[in-house]
All heavy atoms as atom14 arrays in JSON, in Angstrom:
{
  "sequence": "EQACEGIDFEIYQSNHEGAIVDKIQSALGNVDGIVINPAAY",
  "atom14_mask": [
    [1, 1, 1, 1, 1, 1, 1, 1, 1, 0, 0, 0, 0, 0],
    [1, 1, 1, 1, 1, 1, 1, 1, 1, 0, 0, 0, 0, 0],
    [1, 1, 1, 1, 1, 0, 0, 0, 0, 0, 0, 0, 0, 0],
    [1, 1, 1, 1, 1, 1, 0, 0, 0, 0, 0, 0, 0, 0],
    [1, 1, 1, 1, 1, 1, 1, 1, 1, 0, 0, 0, 0, 0],
    [1, 1, 1, 1, 0, 0, 0, 0, 0, 0, 0, 0, 0, 0],
    [1, 1, 1, 1, 1, 1, 1, 1, 0, 0, 0, 0, 0, 0],
    [1, 1, 1, 1, 1, 1, 1, 1, 0, 0, 0, 0, 0, 0],
    [1, 1, 1, 1, 1, 1, 1, 1, 1, 1, 1, 0, 0, 0],
    [1, 1, 1, 1, 1, 1, 1, 1, 1, 0, 0, 0, 0, 0],
    [1, 1, 1, 1, 1, 1, 1, 1, 0, 0, 0, 0, 0, 0],
    [1, 1, 1, 1, 1, 1, 1, 1, 1, 1, 1, 1, 0, 0],
    [1, 1, 1, 1, 1, 1, 1, 1, 1, 0, 0, 0, 0, 0],
    [1, 1, 1, 1, 1, 1, 0, 0, 0, 0, 0, 0, 0, 0],
    [1, 1, 1, 1, 1, 1, 1, 1, 0, 0, 0, 0, 0, 0],
    [1, 1, 1, 1, 1, 1, 1, 1, 1, 1, 0, 0, 0, 0],
    [1, 1, 1, 1, 1, 1, 1, 1, 1, 0, 0, 0, 0, 0],
    [1, 1, 1, 1, 0, 0, 0, 0, 0, 0, 0, 0, 0, 0],
    [1, 1, 1, 1, 1, 0, 0, 0, 0, 0, 0, 0, 0, 0],
    [1, 1, 1, 1, 1, 1, 1, 1, 0, 0, 0, 0, 0, 0],
    [1, 1, 1, 1, 1, 1, 1, 0, 0, 0, 0, 0, 0, 0],
    [1, 1, 1, 1, 1, 1, 1, 1, 0, 0, 0, 0, 0, 0],
    [1, 1, 1, 1, 1, 1, 1, 1, 1, 0, 0, 0, 0, 0],
    [1, 1, 1, 1, 1, 1, 1, 1, 0, 0, 0, 0, 0, 0],
    [1, 1, 1, 1, 1, 1, 1, 1, 1, 0, 0, 0, 0, 0],
    [1, 1, 1, 1, 1, 1, 0, 0, 0, 0, 0, 0, 0, 0],
    [1, 1, 1, 1, 1, 0, 0, 0, 0, 0, 0, 0, 0, 0],
    [1, 1, 1, 1, 1, 1, 1, 1, 0, 0, 0, 0, 0, 0],
    [1, 1, 1, 1, 0, 0, 0, 0, 0, 0, 0, 0, 0, 0],
    [1, 1, 1, 1, 1, 1, 1, 1, 0, 0, 0, 0, 0, 0],
    [1, 1, 1, 1, 1, 1, 1, 0, 0, 0, 0, 0, 0, 0],
    [1, 1, 1, 1, 1, 1, 1, 1, 0, 0, 0, 0, 0, 0],
    [1, 1, 1, 1, 0, 0, 0, 0, 0, 0, 0, 0, 0, 0],
    [1, 1, 1, 1, 1, 1, 1, 1, 0, 0, 0, 0, 0, 0],
    [1, 1, 1, 1, 1, 1, 1, 0, 0, 0, 0, 0, 0, 0],
    [1, 1, 1, 1, 1, 1, 1, 1, 0, 0, 0, 0, 0, 0],
    [1, 1, 1, 1, 1, 1, 1, 1, 0, 0, 0, 0, 0, 0],
    [1, 1, 1, 1, 1, 1, 1, 0, 0, 0, 0, 0, 0, 0],
    [1, 1, 1, 1, 1, 0, 0, 0, 0, 0, 0, 0, 0, 0],
    [1, 1, 1, 1, 1, 0, 0, 0, 0, 0, 0, 0, 0, 0],
    [1, 1, 1, 1, 1, 1, 1, 1, 1, 1, 1, 1, 0, 0]
  ],
  "atom14_positions": [
    [[0.82, -1.21, 0.0], [0.01, -0.01, 0.0], [0.86, 1.25, 0.0], [0.62, 2.19, -0.78], [-0.91, -0.02, 1.2], [-1.91, 1.12, 1.26], [-2.85, 1.04, 2.42], [-3.08, -0.06, 2.96], [-3.41, 2.09, 2.8], [0.0, 0.0, 0.0], [0.0, 0.0, 0.0], [0.0, 0.0, 0.0], [0.0, 0.0, 0.0], [0.0, 0.0, 0.0]],
    [[1.9, 1.28, 0.81], [2.81, 2.45, 0.85], [3.52, 2.63, -0.49], [3.69, 3.74, -0.98], [3.83, 2.31, 2.0], [3.2, 2.46, 3.34], [4.2, 2.2, 4.46], [5.38, 1.92, 4.23], [3.72, 2.23, 5.72], [0.0, 0.0, 0.0], [0.0, 0.0, 0.0], [0.0, 0.0, 0.0], [0.0, 0.0, 0.0], [0.0, 0.0, 0.0]],
    [[4.0, 1.52, -1.07], [4.74, 1.58, -2.35], [3.84, 2.03, -3.5], [4.3, 2.59, -4.47], [5.33, 0.2, -2.63], [0.0, 0.0, 0.0], [0.0, 0.0, 0.0], [0.0, 0.0, 0.0], [0.0, 0.0, 0.0], [0.0, 0.0, 0.0], [0.0, 0.0, 0.0], [0.0, 0.0, 0.0], [0.0, 0.0, 0.0], [0.0, 0.0, 0.0]],
    [[2.52, 1.76, -3.36], [1.59, 2.15, -4.41], [0.99, 3.55, -4.27], [0.0, 3.88, -4.9], [0.45, 1.15, -4.45], [0.91, -0.44, -5.18], [0.0, 0.0, 0.0], [0.0, 0.0, 0.0], [0.0, 0.0, 0.0], [0.0, 0.0, 0.0], [0.0, 0.0, 0.0], [0.0, 0.0, 0.0], [0.0, 0.0, 0.0], [0.0, 0.0, 0.0]],
    [[1.64, 4.39, -3.43], [1.12, 5.74, -3.26], [0.94, 6.43, -4.62], [1.85, 6.4, -5.44], [2.06, 6.56, -2.4], [1.53, 7.92, -2.08], [2.43, 8.71, -1.14], [3.35, 8.13, -0.53], [2.2, 9.94, -1.05], [0.0, 0.0, 0.0], [0.0, 0.0, 0.0], [0.0, 0.0, 0.0], [0.0, 0.0, 0.0], [0.0, 0.0, 0.0]],
    [[-0.24, 6.94, -4.87], [-0.56, 7.57, -6.14], [-0.95, 6.64, -7.26], [-1.19, 7.08, -8.39], [0.0, 0.0, 0.0], [0.0, 0.0, 0.0], [0.0, 0.0, 0.0], [0.0, 0.0, 0.0], [0.0, 0.0, 0.0], [0.0, 0.0, 0.0], [0.0, 0.0, 0.0], [0.0, 0.0, 0.0], [0.0, 0.0, 0.0], [0.0, 0.0, 0.0]],
    [[-1.0, 5.35, -6.96], [-1.38, 4.34, -7.93], [-2.67, 3.66, -7.45], [-2.76, 3.34, -6.28], [-0.26, 3.28, -8.09], [1.03, 3.87, -8.59], [-0.71, 2.13, -9.02], [2.21, 2.89, -8.58], [0.0, 0.0, 0.0], [0.0, 0.0, 0.0], [0.0, 0.0, 0.0], [0.0, 0.0, 0.0], [0.0, 0.0, 0.0], [0.0, 0.0, 0.0]],
    [[-3.58, 3.43, -8.38], [-4.74, 2.61, -8.08], [-4.27, 1.16, -8.07], [-3.54, 0.74, -8.97], [-5.81, 2.85, -9.12], [-7.14, 2.23, -8.79], [-7.35, 1.79, -7.62], [-7.99, 2.15, -9.7], [0.0, 0.0, 0.0], [0.0, 0.0, 0.0], [0.0, 0.0, 0.0], [0.0, 0.0, 0.0], [0.0, 0.0, 0.0], [0.0, 0.0, 0.0]],
    [[-4.64, 0.36, -7.02], [-4.12, -0.99, -6.96], [-5.14, -1.88, -6.24], [-5.98, -1.41, -5.49], [-2.79, -1.02, -6.26], [-2.87, -0.76, -4.75], [-2.94, -1.77, -3.85], [-2.93, 0.54, -4.31], [-3.06, -1.53, -2.49], [-3.04, 0.85, -2.95], [-3.1, -0.19, -2.01], [0.0, 0.0, 0.0], [0.0, 0.0, 0.0], [0.0, 0.0, 0.0]],
    [[-4.95, -3.18, -6.47], [-5.74, -4.19, -5.76], [-4.78, -5.3, -5.36], [-3.93, -5.7, -6.17], [-6.83, -4.77, -6.65], [-7.62, -5.89, -5.98], [-8.66, -6.52, -6.91], [-8.83, -6.05, -8.03], [-9.25, -7.5, -6.44], [0.0, 0.0, 0.0], [0.0, 0.0, 0.0], [0.0, 0.0, 0.0], [0.0, 0.0, 0.0], [0.0, 0.0, 0.0]],
    [[-4.89, -5.78, -4.15], [-4.13, -6.93, -3.67], [-5.06, -8.13, -3.57], [-6.16, -8.0, -3.05], [-3.49, -6.67, -2.27], [-2.61, -5.42, -2.31], [-2.73, -7.9, -1.79], [-2.14, -4.97, -0.94], [0.0, 0.0, 0.0], [0.0, 0.0, 0.0], [0.0, 0.0, 0.0], [0.0, 0.0, 0.0], [0.0, 0.0, 0.0], [0.0, 0.0, 0.0]],
    [[-4.63, -9.25, -4.12], [-5.44, -10.42, -4.17], [-4.59, -11.63, -3.75], [-3.45, -11.76, -4.2], [-5.98, -10.67, -5.6], [-6.78, -11.9, -5.75], [-8.09, -11.96, -5.32], [-6.22, -13.06, -6.32], [-8.87, -13.11, -5.46], [-6.98, -14.19, -6.45], [-8.29, -14.23, -6.05], [-9.02, -15.36, -6.2], [0.0, 0.0, 0.0], [0.0, 0.0, 0.0]],
    [[-5.12, -12.47, -2.9], [-4.43, -13.69, -2.45], [-5.39, -14.86, -2.57], [-6.56, -14.75, -2.19], [-3.95, -13.57, -1.04], [-3.02, -14.7, -0.56], [-3.71, -15.95, -0.07], [-4.79, -15.89, 0.52], [-3.1, -17.1, -0.33], [0.0, 0.0, 0.0], [0.0, 0.0, 0.0], [0.0, 0.0, 0.0], [0.0, 0.0, 0.0], [0.0, 0.0, 0.0]],
    [[-4.9, -15.99, -3.11], [-5.72, -17.2, -3.16], [-4.81, -18.41, -3.06], [-3.68, -18.41, -3.56], [-6.51, -17.26, -4.44], [-7.29, -18.48, -4.46], [0.0, 0.0, 0.0], [0.0, 0.0, 0.0], [0.0, 0.0, 0.0], [0.0, 0.0, 0.0], [0.0, 0.0, 0.0], [0.0, 0.0, 0.0], [0.0, 0.0, 0.0], [0.0, 0.0, 0.0]],
    [[-5.36, -19.43, -2.44], [-4.7, -20.73, -2.37], [-5.12, -21.62, -3.49], [-4.72, -22.79, -3.54], [-5.0, -21.4, -1.03], [-4.41, -20.61, 0.15], [-3.29, -20.12, 0.07], [-5.18, -20.5, 1.21], [0.0, 0.0, 0.0], [0.0, 0.0, 0.0], [0.0, 0.0, 0.0], [0.0, 0.0, 0.0], [0.0, 0.0, 0.0], [0.0, 0.0, 0.0]],
    [[-5.94, -21.14, -4.44], [-6.54, -21.95, -5.49], [-6.09, -21.51, -6.87], [-6.31, -20.34, -7.24], [-8.07, -21.9, -5.35], [-8.51, -22.28, -3.98], [-8.62, -23.58, -3.56], [-8.9, -21.52, -2.93], [-9.05, -23.62, -2.33], [-9.21, -22.4, -1.88], [0.0, 0.0, 0.0], [0.0, 0.0, 0.0], [0.0, 0.0, 0.0], [0.0, 0.0, 0.0]],
    [[-5.53, -22.41, -7.6], [-5.01, -22.08, -8.93], [-6.07, -21.52, -9.84], [-5.82, -20.48, -10.51], [-4.41, -23.37, -9.56], [-3.79, -23.17, -10.92], [-3.2, -24.46, -11.46], [-3.75, -25.57, -11.16], [-2.23, -24.4, -12.2], [0.0, 0.0, 0.0], [0.0, 0.0, 0.0], [0.0, 0.0, 0.0], [0.0, 0.0, 0.0], [0.0, 0.0, 0.0]],
    [[-7.22, -22.11, -9.9], [-8.28, -21.62, -10.83], [-8.75, -20.22, -10.42], [-9.06, -19.42, -11.31], [0.0, 0.0, 0.0], [0.0, 0.0, 0.0], [0.0, 0.0, 0.0], [0.0, 0.0, 0.0], [0.0, 0.0, 0.0], [0.0, 0.0, 0.0], [0.0, 0.0, 0.0], [0.0, 0.0, 0.0], [0.0, 0.0, 0.0], [0.0, 0.0, 0.0]],
    [[-8.78, -19.91, -9.16], [-9.17, -18.58, -8.72], [-8.15, -17.54, -9.17], [-8.52, -16.43, -9.58], [-9.34, -18.54, -7.21], [0.0, 0.0, 0.0], [0.0, 0.0, 0.0], [0.0, 0.0, 0.0], [0.0, 0.0, 0.0], [0.0, 0.0, 0.0], [0.0, 0.0, 0.0], [0.0, 0.0, 0.0], [0.0, 0.0, 0.0], [0.0, 0.0, 0.0]],
    [[-6.86, -17.92, -9.14], [-5.83, -17.01, -9.63], [-5.95, -16.8, -11.12], [-5.83, -15.69, -11.61], [-4.43, -17.55, -9.22], [-4.29, -17.48, -7.71], [-3.3, -16.76, -9.92], [-3.06, -18.22, -7.16], [0.0, 0.0, 0.0], [0.0, 0.0, 0.0], [0.0, 0.0, 0.0], [0.0, 0.0, 0.0], [0.0, 0.0, 0.0], [0.0, 0.0, 0.0]],
    [[-6.2, -17.88, -11.87], [-6.45, -17.79, -13.32], [-7.63, -16.85, -13.59], [-7.57, -15.94, -14.45], [-6.66, -19.18, -13.95], [-7.14, -19.06, -15.38], [-5.36, -20.0, -13.89], [0.0, 0.0, 0.0], [0.0, 0.0, 0.0], [0.0, 0.0, 0.0], [0.0, 0.0, 0.0], [0.0, 0.0, 0.0], [0.0, 0.0, 0.0], [0.0, 0.0, 0.0]],
    [[-8.71, -17.03, -12.86], [-9.89, -16.18, -13.03], [-9.55, -14.72, -12.76], [-10.02, -13.81, -13.54], [-11.01, -16.61, -12.11], [-11.68, -17.93, -12.5], [-11.48, -18.36, -13.64], [-12.39, -18.51, -11.63], [0.0, 0.0, 0.0], [0.0, 0.0, 0.0], [0.0, 0.0, 0.0], [0.0, 0.0, 0.0], [0.0, 0.0, 0.0], [0.0, 0.0, 0.0]],
    [[-8.75, -14.46, -11.72], [-8.39, -13.09, -11.37], [-7.57, -12.48, -12.49], [-7.76, -11.29, -12.85], [-7.66, -13.07, -10.04], [-7.5, -11.7, -9.47], [-8.89, -11.1, -9.15], [-8.76, -9.81, -8.44], [-10.1, -9.24, -8.2], [0.0, 0.0, 0.0], [0.0, 0.0, 0.0], [0.0, 0.0, 0.0], [0.0, 0.0, 0.0], [0.0, 0.0, 0.0]],
    [[-6.6, -13.22, -13.02], [-5.78, -12.71, -14.11], [-6.65, -12.4, -15.33], [-6.54, -11.35, -15.93], [-4.69, -13.73, -14.48], [-3.66, -13.88, -13.36], [-3.99, -13.35, -15.79], [-2.73, -15.05, -13.48], [0.0, 0.0, 0.0], [0.0, 0.0, 0.0], [0.0, 0.0, 0.0], [0.0, 0.0, 0.0], [0.0, 0.0, 0.0], [0.0, 0.0, 0.0]],
    [[-7.57, -13.31, -15.65], [-8.44, -13.05, -16.78], [-9.32, -11.82, -16.6], [-9.54, -11.07, -17.52], [-9.32, -14.28, -17.06], [-8.55, -15.45, -17.61], [-9.42, -16.7, -17.84], [-10.62, -16.67, -17.52], [-8.81, -17.73, -18.33], [0.0, 0.0, 0.0], [0.0, 0.0, 0.0], [0.0, 0.0, 0.0], [0.0, 0.0, 0.0], [0.0, 0.0, 0.0]],
    [[-9.79, -11.61, -15.35], [-10.61, -10.43, -15.09], [-9.85, -9.11, -15.15], [-10.44, -8.04, -15.19], [-11.31, -10.55, -13.71], [-10.38, -10.35, -12.65], [0.0, 0.0, 0.0], [0.0, 0.0, 0.0], [0.0, 0.0, 0.0], [0.0, 0.0, 0.0], [0.0, 0.0, 0.0], [0.0, 0.0, 0.0], [0.0, 0.0, 0.0], [0.0, 0.0, 0.0]],
    [[-8.53, -9.22, -15.16], [-7.68, -8.02, -15.23], [-7.63, -7.43, -16.65], [-7.32, -6.26, -16.84], [-6.29, -8.32, -14.79], [0.0, 0.0, 0.0], [0.0, 0.0, 0.0], [0.0, 0.0, 0.0], [0.0, 0.0, 0.0], [0.0, 0.0, 0.0], [0.0, 0.0, 0.0], [0.0, 0.0, 0.0], [0.0, 0.0, 0.0], [0.0, 0.0, 0.0]],
    [[-8.01, -8.22, -17.63], [-7.97, -7.76, -19.03], [-8.82, -6.48, -19.21], [-9.98, -6.46, -18.9], [-8.48, -8.87, -19.99], [-8.45, -8.55, -21.47], [-7.0, -8.28, -21.95], [-9.07, -9.68, -22.29], [0.0, 0.0, 0.0], [0.0, 0.0, 0.0], [0.0, 0.0, 0.0], [0.0, 0.0, 0.0], [0.0, 0.0, 0.0], [0.0, 0.0, 0.0]],
    [[-8.16, -5.43, -19.66], [-8.86, -4.16, -19.87], [-9.09, -3.38, -18.6], [-9.66, -2.27, -18.66], [0.0, 0.0, 0.0], [0.0, 0.0, 0.0], [0.0, 0.0, 0.0], [0.0, 0.0, 0.0], [0.0, 0.0, 0.0], [0.0, 0.0, 0.0], [0.0, 0.0, 0.0], [0.0, 0.0, 0.0], [0.0, 0.0, 0.0], [0.0, 0.0, 0.0]],
    [[-8.68, -3.92, -17.44], [-8.94, -3.24, -16.17], [-7.66, -2.82, -15.42], [-7.76, -2.0, -14.51], [-9.79, -4.17, -15.27], [-11.13, -4.39, -15.85], [-11.83, -3.46, -16.28], [-11.54, -5.64, -15.95], [0.0, 0.0, 0.0], [0.0, 0.0, 0.0], [0.0, 0.0, 0.0], [0.0, 0.0, 0.0], [0.0, 0.0, 0.0], [0.0, 0.0, 0.0]],
    [[-6.53, -3.39, -15.74], [-5.27, -3.04, -15.09], [-4.19, -2.81, -16.11], [-4.25, -3.36, -17.24], [-4.85, -4.05, -13.99], [-5.91, -4.28, -13.01], [-4.36, -5.34, -14.62], [0.0, 0.0, 0.0], [0.0, 0.0, 0.0], [0.0, 0.0, 0.0], [0.0, 0.0, 0.0], [0.0, 0.0, 0.0], [0.0, 0.0, 0.0], [0.0, 0.0, 0.0]],
    [[-3.18, -2.05, -15.68], [-2.05, -1.76, -16.59], [-0.85, -2.65, -16.31], [-0.02, -2.77, -17.21], [-1.66, -0.29, -16.37], [-2.79, 0.66, -16.65], [-3.29, 0.68, -17.78], [-3.23, 1.38, -15.69], [0.0, 0.0, 0.0], [0.0, 0.0, 0.0], [0.0, 0.0, 0.0], [0.0, 0.0, 0.0], [0.0, 0.0, 0.0], [0.0, 0.0, 0.0]],
    [[-0.81, -3.22, -15.13], [0.31, -4.07, -14.82], [-0.02, -5.05, -13.68], [-0.94, -4.81, -12.91], [0.0, 0.0, 0.0], [0.0, 0.0, 0.0], [0.0, 0.0, 0.0], [0.0, 0.0, 0.0], [0.0, 0.0, 0.0], [0.0, 0.0, 0.0], [0.0, 0.0, 0.0], [0.0, 0.0, 0.0], [0.0, 0.0, 0.0], [0.0, 0.0, 0.0]],
    [[0.71, -6.16, -13.66], [0.5, -7.21, -12.68], [1.81, -7.47, -11.95], [2.87, -7.61, -12.63], [-0.02, -8.51, -13.28], [-1.42, -8.32, -13.93], [-0.05, -9.65, -12.27], [-1.94, -9.48, -14.71], [0.0, 0.0, 0.0], [0.0, 0.0, 0.0], [0.0, 0.0, 0.0], [0.0, 0.0, 0.0], [0.0, 0.0, 0.0], [0.0, 0.0, 0.0]],
    [[1.75, -7.56, -10.66], [2.83, -8.09, -9.8], [2.31, -9.4, -9.3], [1.25, -9.45, -8.68], [3.23, -7.14, -8.67], [4.25, -7.79, -7.75], [3.71, -5.79, -9.19], [0.0, 0.0, 0.0], [0.0, 0.0, 0.0], [0.0, 0.0, 0.0], [0.0, 0.0, 0.0], [0.0, 0.0, 0.0], [0.0, 0.0, 0.0], [0.0, 0.0, 0.0]],
    [[3.05, -10.48, -9.54], [2.56, -11.79, -9.09], [3.65, -12.57, -8.37], [4.78, -12.66, -8.84], [1.99, -12.64, -10.26], [1.38, -13.93, -9.76], [3.02, -12.85, -11.36], [0.55, -14.69, -10.77], [0.0, 0.0, 0.0], [0.0, 0.0, 0.0], [0.0, 0.0, 0.0], [0.0, 0.0, 0.0], [0.0, 0.0, 0.0], [0.0, 0.0, 0.0]],
    [[3.26, -13.11, -7.2], [4.05, -14.12, -6.53], [3.21, -15.37, -6.55], [2.35, -15.56, -5.74], [4.38, -13.68, -5.08], [5.23, -14.74, -4.4], [5.36, -15.88, -4.8], [5.86, -14.32, -3.29], [0.0, 0.0, 0.0], [0.0, 0.0, 0.0], [0.0, 0.0, 0.0], [0.0, 0.0, 0.0], [0.0, 0.0, 0.0], [0.0, 0.0, 0.0]],
    [[3.43, -16.23, -7.56], [2.61, -17.41, -7.68], [2.91, -18.51, -6.65], [2.23, -19.51, -6.61], [2.91, -17.92, -9.1], [4.17, -17.24, -9.52], [4.39, -16.08, -8.62], [0.0, 0.0, 0.0], [0.0, 0.0, 0.0], [0.0, 0.0, 0.0], [0.0, 0.0, 0.0], [0.0, 0.0, 0.0], [0.0, 0.0, 0.0], [0.0, 0.0, 0.0]],
    [[3.91, -18.26, -5.8], [4.27, -19.21, -4.74], [4.48, -20.58, -5.34], [5.15, -20.71, -6.36], [3.26, -19.19, -3.62], [0.0, 0.0, 0.0], [0.0, 0.0, 0.0], [0.0, 0.0, 0.0], [0.0, 0.0, 0.0], [0.0, 0.0, 0.0], [0.0, 0.0, 0.0], [0.0, 0.0, 0.0], [0.0, 0.0, 0.0], [0.0, 0.0, 0.0]],
    [[3.9, -21.63, -4.77], [4.15, -22.97, -5.25], [3.71, -23.19, -6.68], [4.29, -24.06, -7.39], [3.44, -23.99, -4.36], [0.0, 0.0, 0.0], [0.0, 0.0, 0.0], [0.0, 0.0, 0.0], [0.0, 0.0, 0.0], [0.0, 0.0, 0.0], [0.0, 0.0, 0.0], [0.0, 0.0, 0.0], [0.0, 0.0, 0.0], [0.0, 0.0, 0.0]],
    [[2.75, -22.38, -7.16], [2.33, -22.55, -8.56], [3.37, -22.03, -9.54], [3.27, -22.31, -10.72], [1.01, -21.8, -8.78], [-0.16, -22.43, -8.04], [-1.06, -21.67, -7.34], [-0.4, -23.81, -8.09], [-2.11, -22.22, -6.66], [-1.45, -24.38, -7.44], [-2.32, -23.59, -6.71], [-3.39, -24.16, -6.03], [0.0, 0.0, 0.0], [0.0, 0.0, 0.0]]
  ]
}
């Protein structure tokens, strides 16, 4: 949140691969950049 000062952002966490895929797909046309830590995936 501090690093994103002046930037619109959303933080999302999931333990489910399909939910992460859905979130990435929903970003199309809605975000300019993605930061991802896919962890074990």
